Amino acid sequence: MTATSRCRRGGLLLAALLGALVVGAIPLAAGAETSPAMPWKGSGPATVTINNDGTAAPAQMTYSLRSQAVHSTQTWSFSTTRGDGPRTLKYDYRGFHAFFRVRAFLNALVTHNNVTTTTPLVSTGPVNCCTSPSGGFHYMGSVSLDVEPGDTYGFQLGGTNFDRDDILTGTVTVDTVATSKDQCENNGWKAVTDQNGAPFKNEGDCVSYVASRGGNRDDD
């Protein structure tokens, strides 16, 4: 084989190799796109109902326990696993934990590398009739969490009582406030809201809101 032939053959092999690398890079670029919002999941004793998993509307979970187990502290969890950077969550927690020696609590949580950190948001009781949370309760607020990819974040909630009416029941609703353009992409705009809890009309509305740091909504 002449030097010219060897050079030509080497050039063809190099071109083929570069072509394979370019073709192989295409799926990687597509895979780098932001994934859709992950569903919220709930867990805890007795009945847990996911009214909305948060992928197309604010996430919402309801729990209900009717037994003497309510005389000891009961805890439910409501969380999701997708995140990258700060997350601002608006919560609405309401329920009925009977009347005598009633307690209710709500903590924000972030689990990173199997280590869970909690932030107390609500901790009331024990109280008797009829100061909240006795006879029913309703708490609203917001919390900002620093979340990394793969972290689990959300809420722990629950309570206890020593009432003959053995019941703990409650509903928590979570709005995720849009803070980055990535949250708006791939239909993510359906799962986030503005700082007032209002949903977005489309992706452009969401992106416009984030770009203006909450000061503008797209009228289109």
C-alpha atoms as a PDB file:
ATOM      1  CA  MET A   1       0.000   0.000   0.000  1.00  0.00           C
ATOM      2  CA  THR A   2       1.416   3.382  -1.012  1.00  0.00           C
ATOM      3  CA  ALA A   3       1.752   6.313   1.375  1.00  0.00           C
ATOM      4  CA  THR A   4      -1.013   8.098  -0.532  1.00  0.00           C
ATOM      5  CA  SER A   5      -3.392   5.150  -0.127  1.00  0.00           C
ATOM      6  CA  ARG A   6      -2.625   4.855   3.566  1.00  0.00           C
ATOM      7  CA  CYS A   7      -3.275   8.575   4.019  1.00  0.00           C
ATOM      8  CA  ARG A   8      -6.564   8.399   2.100  1.00  0.00           C
ATOM      9  CA  ARG A   9      -7.709   5.347   4.083  1.00  0.00           C
ATOM     10  CA  GLY A  10      -6.811   7.046   7.372  1.00  0.00           C
ATOM     11  CA  GLY A  11      -8.758  10.117   6.324  1.00  0.00           C
ATOM     12  CA  LEU A  12     -11.838   8.038   5.515  1.00  0.00           C
ATOM     13  CA  LEU A  13     -11.653   6.254   8.877  1.00  0.00           C
ATOM     14  CA  LEU A  14     -11.319   9.569  10.698  1.00  0.00           C
ATOM     15  CA  ALA A  15     -14.291  11.023   8.802  1.00  0.00           C
ATOM     16  CA  ALA A  16     -16.390   7.965   9.639  1.00  0.00           C
ATOM     17  CA  LEU A  17     -15.424   8.207  13.291  1.00  0.00           C
ATOM     18  CA  LEU A  18     -16.260  11.912  13.462  1.00  0.00           C
ATOM     19  CA  GLY A  19     -19.579  11.245  11.738  1.00  0.00           C
ATOM     20  CA  ALA A  20     -20.444   8.606  14.320  1.00  0.00           C
ATOM     21  CA  LEU A  21     -19.579  10.992  17.130  1.00  0.00           C
ATOM     22  CA  VAL A  22     -21.765  13.740  15.665  1.00  0.00           C
ATOM     23  CA  VAL A  23     -24.709  11.380  15.166  1.00  0.00           C
ATOM     24  CA  GLY A  24     -24.239  10.004  18.658  1.00  0.00           C
ATOM     25  CA  ALA A  25     -24.257  13.501  20.120  1.00  0.00           C
ATOM     26  CA  ILE A  26     -27.763  14.264  18.903  1.00  0.00           C
ATOM     27  CA  PRO A  27     -29.592  12.114  21.477  1.00  0.00           C
ATOM     28  CA  LEU A  28     -27.397  13.562  24.235  1.00  0.00           C
ATOM     29  CA  ALA A  29     -28.484  17.073  23.360  1.00  0.00           C
ATOM     30  CA  ALA A  30     -32.131  16.055  23.377  1.00  0.00           C
ATOM     31  CA  GLY A  31     -31.678  14.254  26.678  1.00  0.00           C
ATOM     32  CA  ALA A  32     -30.258  17.387  28.254  1.00  0.00           C
ATOM     33  CA  GLU A  33     -33.619  19.131  28.039  1.00  0.00           C
ATOM     34  CA  THR A  34     -35.516  19.815  31.225  1.00  0.00           C
ATOM     35  CA  SER A  35     -37.771  16.893  32.141  1.00  0.00           C
ATOM     36  CA  PRO A  36     -41.463  17.444  32.880  1.00  0.00           C
ATOM     37  CA  ALA A  37     -42.612  18.034  36.430  1.00  0.00           C
ATOM     38  CA  MET A  38     -42.556  14.877  38.542  1.00  0.00           C
ATOM     39  CA  PRO A  39     -45.752  13.882  40.342  1.00  0.00           C
ATOM     40  CA  TRP A  40     -46.152  14.567  44.041  1.00  0.00           C
ATOM     41  CA  LYS A  41     -46.605  11.463  46.197  1.00  0.00           C
ATOM     42  CA  GLY A  42     -48.171  11.004  49.610  1.00  0.00           C
ATOM     43  CA  SER A  43     -47.701   8.485  52.374  1.00  0.00           C
ATOM     44  CA  GLY A  44     -48.835   7.886  55.942  1.00  0.00           C
ATOM     45  CA  PRO A  45     -51.267   5.906  58.093  1.00  0.00           C
ATOM     46  CA  ALA A  46     -54.858   4.993  57.176  1.00  0.00           C
ATOM     47  CA  THR A  47     -56.327   6.723  54.114  1.00  0.00           C
ATOM     48  CA  VAL A  48     -54.167   8.928  51.896  1.00  0.00           C
ATOM     49  CA  THR A  49     -55.748  10.409  48.753  1.00  0.00           C
ATOM     50  CA  ILE A  50     -53.817  12.312  46.085  1.00  0.00           C
ATOM     51  CA  ASN A  51     -56.420  14.715  44.735  1.00  0.00           C
ATOM     52  CA  ASN A  52     -53.898  16.185  42.284  1.00  0.00           C
ATOM     53  CA  ASP A  53     -50.321  15.048  41.678  1.00  0.00           C
ATOM     54  CA  GLY A  54     -49.092  18.514  40.739  1.00  0.00           C
ATOM     55  CA  THR A  55     -48.226  17.818  37.097  1.00  0.00           C
ATOM     56  CA  ALA A  56     -51.102  19.858  35.653  1.00  0.00           C
ATOM     57  CA  ALA A  57     -52.455  21.809  38.638  1.00  0.00           C
ATOM     58  CA  PRO A  58     -51.456  22.600  42.236  1.00  0.00           C
ATOM     59  CA  ALA A  59     -50.574  19.427  44.138  1.00  0.00           C
ATOM     60  CA  GLN A  60     -53.097  18.340  46.762  1.00  0.00           C
ATOM     61  CA  MET A  61     -53.301  15.489  49.281  1.00  0.00           C
ATOM     62  CA  THR A  62     -55.970  14.515  51.815  1.00  0.00           C
ATOM     63  CA  TYR A  63     -55.500  12.208  54.823  1.00  0.00           C
ATOM     64  CA  SER A  64     -58.047  10.623  57.134  1.00  0.00           C
ATOM     65  CA  LEU A  65     -57.523   8.493  60.242  1.00  0.00           C
ATOM     66  CA  ARG A  66     -60.346   7.295  62.483  1.00  0.00           C
ATOM     67  CA  SER A  67     -59.069   5.152  65.347  1.00  0.00           C
ATOM     68  CA  GLN A  68     -57.506   5.416  68.797  1.00  0.00           C
ATOM     69  CA  ALA A  69     -54.155   5.704  67.033  1.00  0.00           C
ATOM     70  CA  VAL A  70     -54.873   9.447  66.965  1.00  0.00           C
ATOM     71  CA  HIS A  71     -53.894   9.544  70.659  1.00  0.00           C
ATOM     72  CA  SER A  72     -50.255   9.332  69.576  1.00  0.00           C
ATOM     73  CA  THR A  73     -48.543  11.579  67.045  1.00  0.00           C
ATOM     74  CA  GLN A  74     -49.353  10.659  63.452  1.00  0.00           C
ATOM     75  CA  THR A  75     -47.321  11.896  60.487  1.00  0.00           C
ATOM     76  CA  TRP A  76     -48.017  12.094  56.770  1.00  0.00           C
ATOM     77  CA  SER A  77     -45.631  13.079  53.983  1.00  0.00           C
ATOM     78  CA  PHE A  78     -46.328  14.823  50.682  1.00  0.00           C
ATOM     79  CA  SER A  79     -43.339  15.308  48.389  1.00  0.00           C
ATOM     80  CA  THR A  80     -41.815  15.252  44.925  1.00  0.00           C
ATOM     81  CA  THR A  81     -38.351  14.403  43.625  1.00  0.00           C
ATOM     82  CA  ARG A  82     -37.545  16.816  40.815  1.00  0.00           C
ATOM     83  CA  GLY A  83     -35.702  20.006  41.511  1.00  0.00           C
ATOM     84  CA  ASP A  84     -32.671  22.151  40.786  1.00  0.00           C
ATOM     85  CA  GLY A  85     -32.043  25.369  42.654  1.00  0.00           C
ATOM     86  CA  PRO A  86     -34.385  27.327  44.925  1.00  0.00           C
ATOM     87  CA  ARG A  87     -38.021  26.255  45.064  1.00  0.00           C
ATOM     88  CA  THR A  88     -40.709  28.500  46.531  1.00  0.00           C
ATOM     89  CA  LEU A  89     -43.745  26.571  47.747  1.00  0.00           C
ATOM     90  CA  LYS A  90     -47.023  28.159  48.803  1.00  0.00           C
ATOM     91  CA  TYR A  91     -49.005  25.920  51.156  1.00  0.00           C
ATOM     92  CA  ASP A  92     -52.606  25.794  52.306  1.00  0.00           C
ATOM     93  CA  TYR A  93     -53.157  23.333  55.165  1.00  0.00           C
ATOM     94  CA  ARG A  94     -56.585  22.850  56.701  1.00  0.00           C
ATOM     95  CA  GLY A  95     -58.283  20.102  58.663  1.00  0.00           C
ATOM     96  CA  PHE A  96     -60.116  18.805  61.708  1.00  0.00           C
ATOM     97  CA  HIS A  97     -58.335  17.051  64.600  1.00  0.00           C
ATOM     98  CA  ALA A  98     -61.319  16.937  67.017  1.00  0.00           C
ATOM     99  CA  PHE A  99     -61.533  19.084  70.185  1.00  0.00           C
ATOM    100  CA  PHE A 100     -59.564  17.887  73.223  1.00  0.00           C
ATOM    101  CA  ARG A 101     -55.789  18.334  73.555  1.00  0.00           C
ATOM    102  CA  VAL A 102     -55.440  18.878  69.823  1.00  0.00           C
ATOM    103  CA  ARG A 103     -52.104  19.299  68.065  1.00  0.00           C
ATOM    104  CA  ALA A 104     -51.294  20.090  64.436  1.00  0.00           C
ATOM    105  CA  PHE A 105     -47.942  20.551  62.741  1.00  0.00           C
ATOM    106  CA  LEU A 106     -46.458  21.185  59.308  1.00  0.00           C
ATOM    107  CA  ASN A 107     -42.768  20.949  58.387  1.00  0.00           C
ATOM    108  CA  ALA A 108     -41.011  21.553  55.081  1.00  0.00           C
ATOM    109  CA  LEU A 109     -38.516  18.845  54.160  1.00  0.00           C
ATOM    110  CA  VAL A 110     -35.574  18.309  51.834  1.00  0.00           C
ATOM    111  CA  THR A 111     -33.864  14.921  51.527  1.00  0.00           C
ATOM    112  CA  HIS A 112     -30.363  15.097  50.038  1.00  0.00           C
ATOM    113  CA  ASN A 113     -28.103  12.022  49.858  1.00  0.00           C
ATOM    114  CA  ASN A 114     -30.513  10.152  52.179  1.00  0.00           C
ATOM    115  CA  VAL A 115     -30.301  12.877  54.844  1.00  0.00           C
ATOM    116  CA  THR A 116     -33.572  14.700  55.590  1.00  0.00           C
ATOM    117  CA  THR A 117     -33.610  18.290  56.848  1.00  0.00           C
ATOM    118  CA  THR A 118     -36.878  19.752  58.127  1.00  0.00           C
ATOM    119  CA  THR A 119     -38.022  23.333  58.633  1.00  0.00           C
ATOM    120  CA  PRO A 120     -40.895  23.872  61.117  1.00  0.00           C
ATOM    121  CA  LEU A 121     -43.719  25.949  59.647  1.00  0.00           C
ATOM    122  CA  VAL A 122     -46.671  25.197  61.946  1.00  0.00           C
ATOM    123  CA  SER A 123     -46.593  23.737  65.459  1.00  0.00           C
ATOM    124  CA  THR A 124     -49.661  24.354  67.598  1.00  0.00           C
ATOM    125  CA  GLY A 125     -51.223  22.745  70.660  1.00  0.00           C
ATOM    126  CA  PRO A 126     -52.115  20.889  72.613  1.00  0.00           C
ATOM    127  CA  VAL A 127     -55.241  23.031  73.077  1.00  0.00           C
ATOM    128  CA  ASN A 128     -58.872  22.404  74.003  1.00  0.00           C
ATOM    129  CA  CYS A 129     -62.126  23.641  72.557  1.00  0.00           C
ATOM    130  CA  CYS A 130     -62.271  25.809  70.766  1.00  0.00           C
ATOM    131  CA  THR A 131     -59.016  27.558  70.034  1.00  0.00           C
ATOM    132  CA  SER A 132     -57.419  26.535  66.730  1.00  0.00           C
ATOM    133  CA  PRO A 133     -56.388  23.860  65.923  1.00  0.00           C
ATOM    134  CA  SER A 134     -59.171  22.519  68.200  1.00  0.00           C
ATOM    135  CA  GLY A 135     -62.468  22.464  66.321  1.00  0.00           C
ATOM    136  CA  GLY A 136     -60.727  22.889  62.958  1.00  0.00           C
ATOM    137  CA  PHE A 137     -57.733  24.780  61.578  1.00  0.00           C
ATOM    138  CA  HIS A 138     -56.467  26.574  58.493  1.00  0.00           C
ATOM    139  CA  TYR A 139     -52.851  27.668  57.922  1.00  0.00           C
ATOM    140  CA  MET A 140     -51.386  29.384  54.870  1.00  0.00           C
ATOM    141  CA  GLY A 141     -47.884  30.551  54.010  1.00  0.00           C
ATOM    142  CA  SER A 142     -44.843  29.993  51.824  1.00  0.00           C
ATOM    143  CA  VAL A 143     -41.360  28.549  52.165  1.00  0.00           C
ATOM    144  CA  SER A 144     -38.244  28.669  49.960  1.00  0.00           C
ATOM    145  CA  LEU A 145     -36.117  25.530  49.741  1.00  0.00           C
ATOM    146  CA  ASP A 146     -32.655  25.026  48.238  1.00  0.00           C
ATOM    147  CA  VAL A 147     -33.046  21.891  46.121  1.00  0.00           C
ATOM    148  CA  GLU A 148     -30.498  19.971  44.048  1.00  0.00           C
ATOM    149  CA  PRO A 149     -31.247  17.504  41.214  1.00  0.00           C
ATOM    150  CA  GLY A 150     -32.548  14.243  42.617  1.00  0.00           C
ATOM    151  CA  ASP A 151     -33.501  15.691  46.003  1.00  0.00           C
ATOM    152  CA  THR A 152     -36.866  14.896  47.533  1.00  0.00           C
ATOM    153  CA  TYR A 153     -38.682  17.945  48.868  1.00  0.00           C
ATOM    154  CA  GLY A 154     -42.128  18.745  50.231  1.00  0.00           C
ATOM    155  CA  PHE A 155     -43.897  18.541  53.570  1.00  0.00           C
ATOM    156  CA  GLN A 156     -44.458  16.474  56.711  1.00  0.00           C
ATOM    157  CA  LEU A 157     -47.763  17.134  58.467  1.00  0.00           C
ATOM    158  CA  GLY A 158     -50.067  15.673  61.074  1.00  0.00           C
ATOM    159  CA  GLY A 159     -50.934  15.857  64.744  1.00  0.00           C
ATOM    160  CA  THR A 160     -52.738  14.148  67.595  1.00  0.00           C
ATOM    161  CA  ASN A 161     -55.616  14.481  70.070  1.00  0.00           C
ATOM    162  CA  PHE A 162     -57.066  12.850  73.204  1.00  0.00           C
ATOM    163  CA  ASP A 163     -60.692  13.275  72.220  1.00  0.00           C
ATOM    164  CA  ARG A 164     -63.395  10.584  72.266  1.00  0.00           C
ATOM    165  CA  ASP A 165     -63.957  11.614  68.657  1.00  0.00           C
ATOM    166  CA  ASP A 166     -61.024   9.614  67.312  1.00  0.00           C
ATOM    167  CA  ILE A 167     -60.315  11.510  64.122  1.00  0.00           C
ATOM    168  CA  LEU A 168     -57.515  13.249  62.288  1.00  0.00           C
ATOM    169  CA  THR A 169     -58.350  14.570  58.851  1.00  0.00           C
ATOM    170  CA  GLY A 170     -56.727  17.251  56.727  1.00  0.00           C
ATOM    171  CA  THR A 171     -55.897  18.546  53.258  1.00  0.00           C
ATOM    172  CA  VAL A 172     -52.723  20.240  52.076  1.00  0.00           C
ATOM    173  CA  THR A 173     -52.511  22.115  48.769  1.00  0.00           C
ATOM    174  CA  VAL A 174     -49.148  23.164  47.331  1.00  0.00           C
ATOM    175  CA  ASP A 175     -48.468  25.789  44.674  1.00  0.00           C
ATOM    176  CA  THR A 176     -44.946  25.832  43.246  1.00  0.00           C
ATOM    177  CA  VAL A 177     -44.060  29.416  42.342  1.00  0.00           C
ATOM    178  CA  ALA A 178     -42.200  29.756  39.031  1.00  0.00           C
ATOM    179  CA  THR A 179     -38.662  31.086  39.624  1.00  0.00           C
ATOM    180  CA  SER A 180     -36.751  29.845  36.542  1.00  0.00           C
ATOM    181  CA  LYS A 181     -37.404  29.464  32.817  1.00  0.00           C
ATOM    182  CA  ASP A 182     -36.683  25.727  33.041  1.00  0.00           C
ATOM    183  CA  GLN A 183     -39.783  25.277  35.177  1.00  0.00           C
ATOM    184  CA  CYS A 184     -41.905  26.653  32.322  1.00  0.00           C
ATOM    185  CA  GLU A 185     -40.590  24.326  29.600  1.00  0.00           C
ATOM    186  CA  ASN A 186     -41.961  20.932  28.475  1.00  0.00           C
ATOM    187  CA  ASN A 187     -45.434  21.750  29.825  1.00  0.00           C
ATOM    188  CA  GLY A 188     -43.942  22.600  33.211  1.00  0.00           C
ATOM    189  CA  TRP A 189     -45.931  25.873  33.146  1.00  0.00           C
ATOM    190  CA  LYS A 190     -49.017  23.809  33.962  1.00  0.00           C
ATOM    191  CA  ALA A 191     -47.552  22.768  37.313  1.00  0.00           C
ATOM    192  CA  VAL A 192     -46.385  26.182  38.574  1.00  0.00           C
ATOM    193  CA  THR A 193     -48.072  29.466  39.469  1.00  0.00           C
ATOM    194  CA  ASP A 194     -47.211  33.097  40.024  1.00  0.00           C
ATOM    195  CA  GLN A 195     -46.541  34.430  43.523  1.00  0.00           C
ATOM    196  CA  ASN A 196     -50.280  34.946  44.059  1.00  0.00           C
ATOM    197  CA  GLY A 197     -51.116  31.339  43.206  1.00  0.00           C
ATOM    198  CA  ALA A 198     -52.601  32.212  39.809  1.00  0.00           C
ATOM    199  CA  PRO A 199     -51.970  29.678  37.005  1.00  0.00           C
ATOM    200  CA  PHE A 200     -50.263  30.581  33.722  1.00  0.00           C
ATOM    201  CA  LYS A 201     -52.047  30.643  30.370  1.00  0.00           C
ATOM    202  CA  ASN A 202     -49.165  29.088  28.434  1.00  0.00           C
ATOM    203  CA  GLU A 203     -45.387  28.664  28.383  1.00  0.00           C
ATOM    204  CA  GLY A 204     -44.808  32.208  27.134  1.00  0.00           C
ATOM    205  CA  ASP A 205     -46.839  33.653  29.992  1.00  0.00           C
ATOM    206  CA  CYS A 206     -44.716  31.686  32.459  1.00  0.00           C
ATOM    207  CA  VAL A 207     -41.396  32.652  30.829  1.00  0.00           C
ATOM    208  CA  SER A 208     -42.410  36.323  30.735  1.00  0.00           C
ATOM    209  CA  TYR A 209     -43.264  36.222  34.437  1.00  0.00           C
ATOM    210  CA  VAL A 210     -39.915  34.672  35.369  1.00  0.00           C
ATOM    211  CA  ALA A 211     -37.912  36.980  33.100  1.00  0.00           C
ATOM    212  CA  SER A 212     -39.440  40.036  34.755  1.00  0.00           C
ATOM    213  CA  ARG A 213     -38.896  38.533  38.223  1.00  0.00           C
ATOM    214  CA  GLY A 214     -42.591  38.394  38.876  1.00  0.00           C
ATOM    215  CA  GLY A 215     -43.453  41.800  37.505  1.00  0.00           C
ATOM    216  CA  ASN A 216     -44.970  40.929  34.141  1.00  0.00           C
ATOM    217  CA  ARG A 217     -47.438  38.494  32.624  1.00  0.00           C
ATOM    218  CA  ASP A 218     -47.677  37.833  28.871  1.00  0.00           C
ATOM    219  CA  ASP A 219     -50.990  39.165  27.559  1.00  0.00           C
ATOM    220  CA  ASP A 220     -50.825  37.090  24.345  1.00  0.00           C
END
